[in-house]
N, C-alpha and C. Protein backbone atom coordinates (compact mmCIF):
# COMPACT_ATOMS: atom_id res chain seq x y z
N VAL A 1 13.52 6.68 -5.85
CA VAL A 1 12.78 5.52 -5.38
C VAL A 1 11.72 5.14 -6.41
N ARG A 2 11.64 3.88 -6.75
CA ARG A 2 10.62 3.37 -7.65
C ARG A 2 9.68 2.49 -6.85
N LEU A 3 8.38 2.71 -7.02
CA LEU A 3 7.36 1.96 -6.30
C LEU A 3 6.59 1.07 -7.26
N VAL A 4 6.41 -0.19 -6.92
CA VAL A 4 5.69 -1.13 -7.78
C VAL A 4 4.61 -1.83 -6.96
N GLU A 5 3.35 -1.67 -7.39
CA GLU A 5 2.24 -2.32 -6.72
C GLU A 5 2.00 -3.72 -7.29
N SER A 6 1.45 -4.59 -6.45
CA SER A 6 1.04 -5.92 -6.89
C SER A 6 -0.10 -6.39 -5.99
N GLY A 7 -0.78 -7.45 -6.44
CA GLY A 7 -1.82 -8.06 -5.62
C GLY A 7 -3.24 -7.69 -5.97
N GLY A 8 -3.42 -6.86 -6.97
CA GLY A 8 -4.77 -6.48 -7.36
C GLY A 8 -5.47 -7.59 -8.13
N GLY A 9 -6.71 -7.32 -8.54
CA GLY A 9 -7.44 -8.30 -9.32
C GLY A 9 -8.93 -8.19 -9.12
N LEU A 10 -9.61 -9.26 -9.48
CA LEU A 10 -11.07 -9.34 -9.39
C LEU A 10 -11.46 -10.17 -8.17
N VAL A 11 -12.39 -9.64 -7.39
CA VAL A 11 -12.85 -10.36 -6.19
C VAL A 11 -14.34 -10.11 -6.02
N GLN A 12 -15.03 -11.07 -5.44
CA GLN A 12 -16.46 -10.92 -5.19
C GLN A 12 -16.70 -10.04 -3.97
N PRO A 13 -17.86 -9.41 -3.90
CA PRO A 13 -18.19 -8.63 -2.69
C PRO A 13 -18.07 -9.49 -1.44
N GLY A 14 -17.48 -8.90 -0.40
CA GLY A 14 -17.23 -9.65 0.83
C GLY A 14 -15.88 -10.33 0.86
N GLY A 15 -15.20 -10.36 -0.26
CA GLY A 15 -13.91 -11.01 -0.34
C GLY A 15 -12.76 -10.14 0.15
N SER A 16 -11.55 -10.67 0.03
CA SER A 16 -10.36 -9.99 0.52
C SER A 16 -9.26 -9.98 -0.53
N LEU A 17 -8.42 -8.97 -0.45
CA LEU A 17 -7.21 -8.86 -1.26
C LEU A 17 -6.14 -8.19 -0.42
N ARG A 18 -4.88 -8.50 -0.71
CA ARG A 18 -3.79 -7.78 -0.08
C ARG A 18 -2.93 -7.15 -1.18
N LEU A 19 -2.84 -5.84 -1.16
CA LEU A 19 -1.97 -5.12 -2.08
C LEU A 19 -0.60 -4.96 -1.45
N SER A 20 0.41 -5.05 -2.29
CA SER A 20 1.79 -4.82 -1.85
C SER A 20 2.39 -3.68 -2.67
N CYS A 21 3.27 -2.93 -2.03
CA CYS A 21 3.99 -1.85 -2.70
C CYS A 21 5.46 -2.02 -2.34
N THR A 22 6.25 -2.44 -3.32
CA THR A 22 7.67 -2.69 -3.08
C THR A 22 8.49 -1.55 -3.67
N ALA A 23 9.41 -1.06 -2.85
CA ALA A 23 10.21 0.10 -3.24
C ALA A 23 11.65 -0.29 -3.52
N SER A 24 12.20 0.33 -4.53
CA SER A 24 13.63 0.20 -4.78
C SER A 24 14.34 1.26 -3.95
N GLY A 25 15.63 1.14 -3.80
CA GLY A 25 16.36 2.16 -3.06
C GLY A 25 16.55 1.78 -1.60
N ARG A 26 17.46 2.46 -0.95
CA ARG A 26 17.84 2.11 0.40
C ARG A 26 17.20 2.97 1.46
N THR A 27 16.36 3.93 1.07
CA THR A 27 15.82 4.87 2.04
C THR A 27 14.33 4.67 2.29
N PHE A 28 13.81 3.51 1.93
CA PHE A 28 12.37 3.24 2.10
C PHE A 28 11.93 3.49 3.52
N SER A 29 12.73 3.10 4.50
CA SER A 29 12.32 3.21 5.90
C SER A 29 12.12 4.65 6.33
N ASN A 30 12.64 5.61 5.58
CA ASN A 30 12.47 7.02 5.93
C ASN A 30 11.15 7.61 5.42
N TYR A 31 10.46 6.89 4.57
CA TYR A 31 9.29 7.41 3.90
C TYR A 31 8.00 7.08 4.64
N ALA A 32 7.13 8.09 4.76
CA ALA A 32 5.74 7.80 5.09
C ALA A 32 5.11 7.19 3.84
N MET A 33 4.29 6.18 4.01
CA MET A 33 3.70 5.49 2.87
C MET A 33 2.18 5.61 2.92
N GLY A 34 1.61 5.64 1.74
CA GLY A 34 0.16 5.75 1.68
C GLY A 34 -0.42 5.03 0.48
N TRP A 35 -1.72 4.82 0.55
CA TRP A 35 -2.49 4.27 -0.57
C TRP A 35 -3.61 5.24 -0.92
N LEU A 36 -3.78 5.47 -2.19
CA LEU A 36 -4.88 6.28 -2.71
C LEU A 36 -5.56 5.47 -3.79
N ARG A 37 -6.76 5.89 -4.18
CA ARG A 37 -7.48 5.19 -5.23
C ARG A 37 -8.27 6.16 -6.09
N GLN A 38 -8.54 5.71 -7.31
CA GLN A 38 -9.34 6.51 -8.22
C GLN A 38 -10.31 5.61 -8.96
N ALA A 39 -11.58 5.85 -8.73
CA ALA A 39 -12.63 5.10 -9.41
C ALA A 39 -12.99 5.81 -10.71
N PRO A 40 -13.55 5.07 -11.67
CA PRO A 40 -13.93 5.68 -12.96
C PRO A 40 -14.85 6.89 -12.76
N GLY A 41 -14.49 8.00 -13.37
CA GLY A 41 -15.31 9.20 -13.30
C GLY A 41 -15.23 9.96 -11.99
N LYS A 42 -14.34 9.53 -11.10
CA LYS A 42 -14.22 10.20 -9.80
C LYS A 42 -12.79 10.69 -9.60
N GLU A 43 -12.64 11.62 -8.64
CA GLU A 43 -11.31 12.12 -8.32
C GLU A 43 -10.55 11.10 -7.47
N ARG A 44 -9.23 11.21 -7.52
CA ARG A 44 -8.39 10.36 -6.68
C ARG A 44 -8.63 10.71 -5.22
N GLU A 45 -8.73 9.68 -4.37
CA GLU A 45 -8.98 9.93 -2.96
C GLU A 45 -8.01 9.16 -2.07
N PHE A 46 -7.74 9.75 -0.91
CA PHE A 46 -6.90 9.11 0.09
C PHE A 46 -7.61 7.89 0.66
N VAL A 47 -6.84 6.81 0.88
CA VAL A 47 -7.39 5.59 1.47
C VAL A 47 -6.77 5.31 2.84
N ALA A 48 -5.43 5.30 2.89
CA ALA A 48 -4.76 4.97 4.16
C ALA A 48 -3.33 5.47 4.10
N ALA A 49 -2.75 5.70 5.28
CA ALA A 49 -1.36 6.12 5.36
C ALA A 49 -0.73 5.55 6.62
N ILE A 50 0.60 5.41 6.57
CA ILE A 50 1.34 4.89 7.71
C ILE A 50 2.64 5.67 7.84
N SER A 51 3.01 5.99 9.06
CA SER A 51 4.24 6.75 9.30
C SER A 51 5.47 5.89 9.02
N TRP A 52 6.60 6.54 8.97
CA TRP A 52 7.83 5.81 8.64
C TRP A 52 8.17 4.79 9.72
N THR A 53 7.75 5.03 10.95
CA THR A 53 7.99 4.06 12.02
C THR A 53 6.98 2.94 12.03
N GLY A 54 5.85 3.18 11.37
CA GLY A 54 4.77 2.20 11.40
C GLY A 54 3.84 2.36 12.60
N LYS A 55 4.14 3.30 13.47
CA LYS A 55 3.37 3.44 14.70
C LYS A 55 2.07 4.21 14.51
N ASN A 56 2.02 5.04 13.49
CA ASN A 56 0.84 5.88 13.27
C ASN A 56 0.20 5.53 11.93
N THR A 57 -1.11 5.36 11.96
CA THR A 57 -1.87 5.07 10.74
C THR A 57 -3.10 5.98 10.67
N ASN A 58 -3.61 6.11 9.47
CA ASN A 58 -4.78 6.94 9.24
C ASN A 58 -5.57 6.34 8.10
N TYR A 59 -6.92 6.43 8.17
CA TYR A 59 -7.76 5.78 7.19
C TYR A 59 -8.91 6.67 6.73
N LEU A 60 -9.33 6.45 5.50
CA LEU A 60 -10.59 6.99 5.00
C LEU A 60 -11.71 6.39 5.84
N ASP A 61 -12.67 7.19 6.20
CA ASP A 61 -13.73 6.70 7.09
C ASP A 61 -14.43 5.45 6.55
N SER A 62 -14.65 5.41 5.25
CA SER A 62 -15.43 4.30 4.68
C SER A 62 -14.68 2.98 4.66
N VAL A 63 -13.38 2.99 4.93
CA VAL A 63 -12.62 1.74 4.93
C VAL A 63 -12.17 1.33 6.33
N LYS A 64 -12.43 2.18 7.32
CA LYS A 64 -12.04 1.85 8.69
C LYS A 64 -12.71 0.56 9.14
N GLY A 65 -11.91 -0.31 9.74
CA GLY A 65 -12.43 -1.60 10.18
C GLY A 65 -12.39 -2.67 9.11
N ARG A 66 -12.14 -2.27 7.87
CA ARG A 66 -12.09 -3.25 6.77
C ARG A 66 -10.69 -3.32 6.15
N PHE A 67 -9.98 -2.20 6.12
CA PHE A 67 -8.65 -2.15 5.52
C PHE A 67 -7.62 -1.94 6.61
N THR A 68 -6.44 -2.53 6.41
CA THR A 68 -5.33 -2.34 7.33
C THR A 68 -4.05 -2.07 6.54
N ILE A 69 -3.40 -0.96 6.85
CA ILE A 69 -2.13 -0.63 6.22
C ILE A 69 -1.00 -1.05 7.16
N SER A 70 0.06 -1.58 6.57
CA SER A 70 1.21 -1.99 7.36
C SER A 70 2.47 -1.86 6.51
N ARG A 71 3.62 -2.08 7.12
CA ARG A 71 4.87 -2.00 6.37
C ARG A 71 5.90 -2.92 6.99
N ASP A 72 6.81 -3.38 6.13
CA ASP A 72 7.94 -4.18 6.56
C ASP A 72 9.18 -3.51 5.97
N ASN A 73 9.85 -2.72 6.78
CA ASN A 73 10.98 -1.96 6.26
C ASN A 73 12.15 -2.86 5.85
N ALA A 74 12.24 -4.02 6.44
CA ALA A 74 13.30 -4.95 6.04
C ALA A 74 13.08 -5.47 4.62
N LYS A 75 11.82 -5.48 4.18
CA LYS A 75 11.49 -5.94 2.84
C LYS A 75 11.19 -4.79 1.88
N ASN A 76 11.36 -3.55 2.36
CA ASN A 76 11.06 -2.38 1.52
C ASN A 76 9.65 -2.44 0.95
N THR A 77 8.71 -2.90 1.75
CA THR A 77 7.36 -3.14 1.25
C THR A 77 6.30 -2.60 2.21
N ALA A 78 5.30 -1.97 1.61
CA ALA A 78 4.10 -1.56 2.34
C ALA A 78 2.93 -2.40 1.84
N TYR A 79 1.95 -2.60 2.71
CA TYR A 79 0.83 -3.47 2.39
C TYR A 79 -0.49 -2.76 2.66
N LEU A 80 -1.51 -3.19 1.95
CA LEU A 80 -2.87 -2.78 2.25
C LEU A 80 -3.73 -4.04 2.23
N GLN A 81 -4.08 -4.51 3.42
CA GLN A 81 -4.96 -5.67 3.55
C GLN A 81 -6.40 -5.18 3.48
N MET A 82 -7.14 -5.67 2.51
CA MET A 82 -8.52 -5.23 2.30
C MET A 82 -9.46 -6.40 2.52
N SER A 83 -10.40 -6.22 3.42
CA SER A 83 -11.36 -7.27 3.74
C SER A 83 -12.77 -6.74 3.59
N ASN A 84 -13.73 -7.68 3.51
CA ASN A 84 -15.13 -7.30 3.34
C ASN A 84 -15.28 -6.25 2.23
N LEU A 85 -14.68 -6.55 1.09
CA LEU A 85 -14.68 -5.60 -0.01
C LEU A 85 -16.08 -5.36 -0.55
N LYS A 86 -16.31 -4.13 -0.98
CA LYS A 86 -17.59 -3.72 -1.52
C LYS A 86 -17.43 -3.27 -2.96
N VAL A 87 -18.52 -3.27 -3.69
CA VAL A 87 -18.48 -2.84 -5.10
C VAL A 87 -17.89 -1.43 -5.20
N ASP A 88 -18.19 -0.57 -4.23
CA ASP A 88 -17.69 0.80 -4.24
C ASP A 88 -16.19 0.90 -4.02
N ASP A 89 -15.53 -0.20 -3.64
CA ASP A 89 -14.07 -0.20 -3.49
C ASP A 89 -13.37 -0.37 -4.84
N THR A 90 -14.13 -0.64 -5.88
CA THR A 90 -13.55 -0.80 -7.21
C THR A 90 -12.85 0.48 -7.64
N ALA A 91 -11.57 0.36 -7.99
CA ALA A 91 -10.77 1.53 -8.36
C ALA A 91 -9.38 1.07 -8.77
N VAL A 92 -8.63 2.02 -9.32
CA VAL A 92 -7.19 1.84 -9.45
C VAL A 92 -6.55 2.33 -8.16
N TYR A 93 -5.75 1.49 -7.55
CA TYR A 93 -5.11 1.83 -6.27
C TYR A 93 -3.65 2.20 -6.53
N TYR A 94 -3.24 3.31 -5.91
CA TYR A 94 -1.89 3.82 -6.08
C TYR A 94 -1.15 3.83 -4.74
N CYS A 95 0.09 3.46 -4.81
CA CYS A 95 0.98 3.54 -3.67
C CYS A 95 1.75 4.86 -3.76
N ARG A 96 2.01 5.47 -2.60
CA ARG A 96 2.71 6.74 -2.57
C ARG A 96 3.69 6.75 -1.41
N GLY A 97 4.89 7.29 -1.66
CA GLY A 97 5.90 7.44 -0.63
C GLY A 97 6.35 8.88 -0.54
N VAL A 98 6.39 9.42 0.69
CA VAL A 98 6.72 10.83 0.88
C VAL A 98 7.73 10.98 2.02
N VAL A 99 8.76 11.79 1.76
CA VAL A 99 9.66 12.25 2.82
C VAL A 99 10.18 13.61 2.40
N GLY A 100 9.97 14.61 3.24
CA GLY A 100 10.37 15.96 2.89
C GLY A 100 9.70 16.39 1.61
N SER A 101 10.51 16.87 0.67
CA SER A 101 9.98 17.33 -0.62
C SER A 101 9.93 16.21 -1.66
N ASN A 102 10.35 15.03 -1.27
CA ASN A 102 10.33 13.89 -2.20
C ASN A 102 8.98 13.17 -2.13
N ASP A 103 8.40 12.95 -3.30
CA ASP A 103 7.05 12.40 -3.41
C ASP A 103 7.03 11.42 -4.58
N PHE A 104 6.89 10.14 -4.29
CA PHE A 104 6.94 9.11 -5.32
C PHE A 104 5.63 8.35 -5.40
N TRP A 105 5.27 7.96 -6.63
CA TRP A 105 4.02 7.23 -6.87
C TRP A 105 4.30 5.95 -7.64
N GLY A 106 3.51 4.92 -7.36
CA GLY A 106 3.51 3.75 -8.18
C GLY A 106 2.65 3.96 -9.42
N GLN A 107 2.65 2.96 -10.28
CA GLN A 107 1.92 3.09 -11.55
C GLN A 107 0.44 2.81 -11.40
N GLY A 108 0.04 2.24 -10.27
CA GLY A 108 -1.37 1.93 -10.03
C GLY A 108 -1.69 0.48 -10.36
N ILE A 109 -2.67 -0.05 -9.66
CA ILE A 109 -3.10 -1.42 -9.89
C ILE A 109 -4.62 -1.50 -9.74
N GLN A 110 -5.24 -2.29 -10.62
CA GLN A 110 -6.70 -2.36 -10.64
C GLN A 110 -7.22 -3.32 -9.58
N VAL A 111 -8.23 -2.87 -8.86
CA VAL A 111 -8.99 -3.72 -7.95
C VAL A 111 -10.45 -3.63 -8.39
N THR A 112 -11.03 -4.77 -8.72
CA THR A 112 -12.42 -4.82 -9.16
C THR A 112 -13.21 -5.73 -8.24
N VAL A 113 -14.27 -5.18 -7.67
CA VAL A 113 -15.14 -5.94 -6.77
C VAL A 113 -16.47 -6.11 -7.48
N SER A 114 -16.76 -7.36 -7.85
CA SER A 114 -17.96 -7.61 -8.65
C SER A 114 -18.40 -9.06 -8.48
N SER A 115 -19.70 -9.26 -8.55
CA SER A 115 -20.23 -10.63 -8.49
C SER A 115 -20.42 -11.17 -9.90
């Protein structure tokens, strides 16, 4: 499975962005999907995850109420809707897909929140 992120960029504080993660392959619907991020000088951290059914989600405390993870298995795509963005959300965001022992990562995409 190959994962490709899109939708990043520069946004002002308080603004919104929607990241997309599109997967190749026919088994996307079997994968739990997640988003992680890494800010300059910091370790990579978990942001959000969604089960393969889409029924269960989990979030980093600091993004709860601002970010929403979702998926469309018909489009082989997972999303991260980010609202009320803060300067501290600036990071490279990575998409991740996991099922069993299989663990796939996207190449990462930059999100910069700045005035």
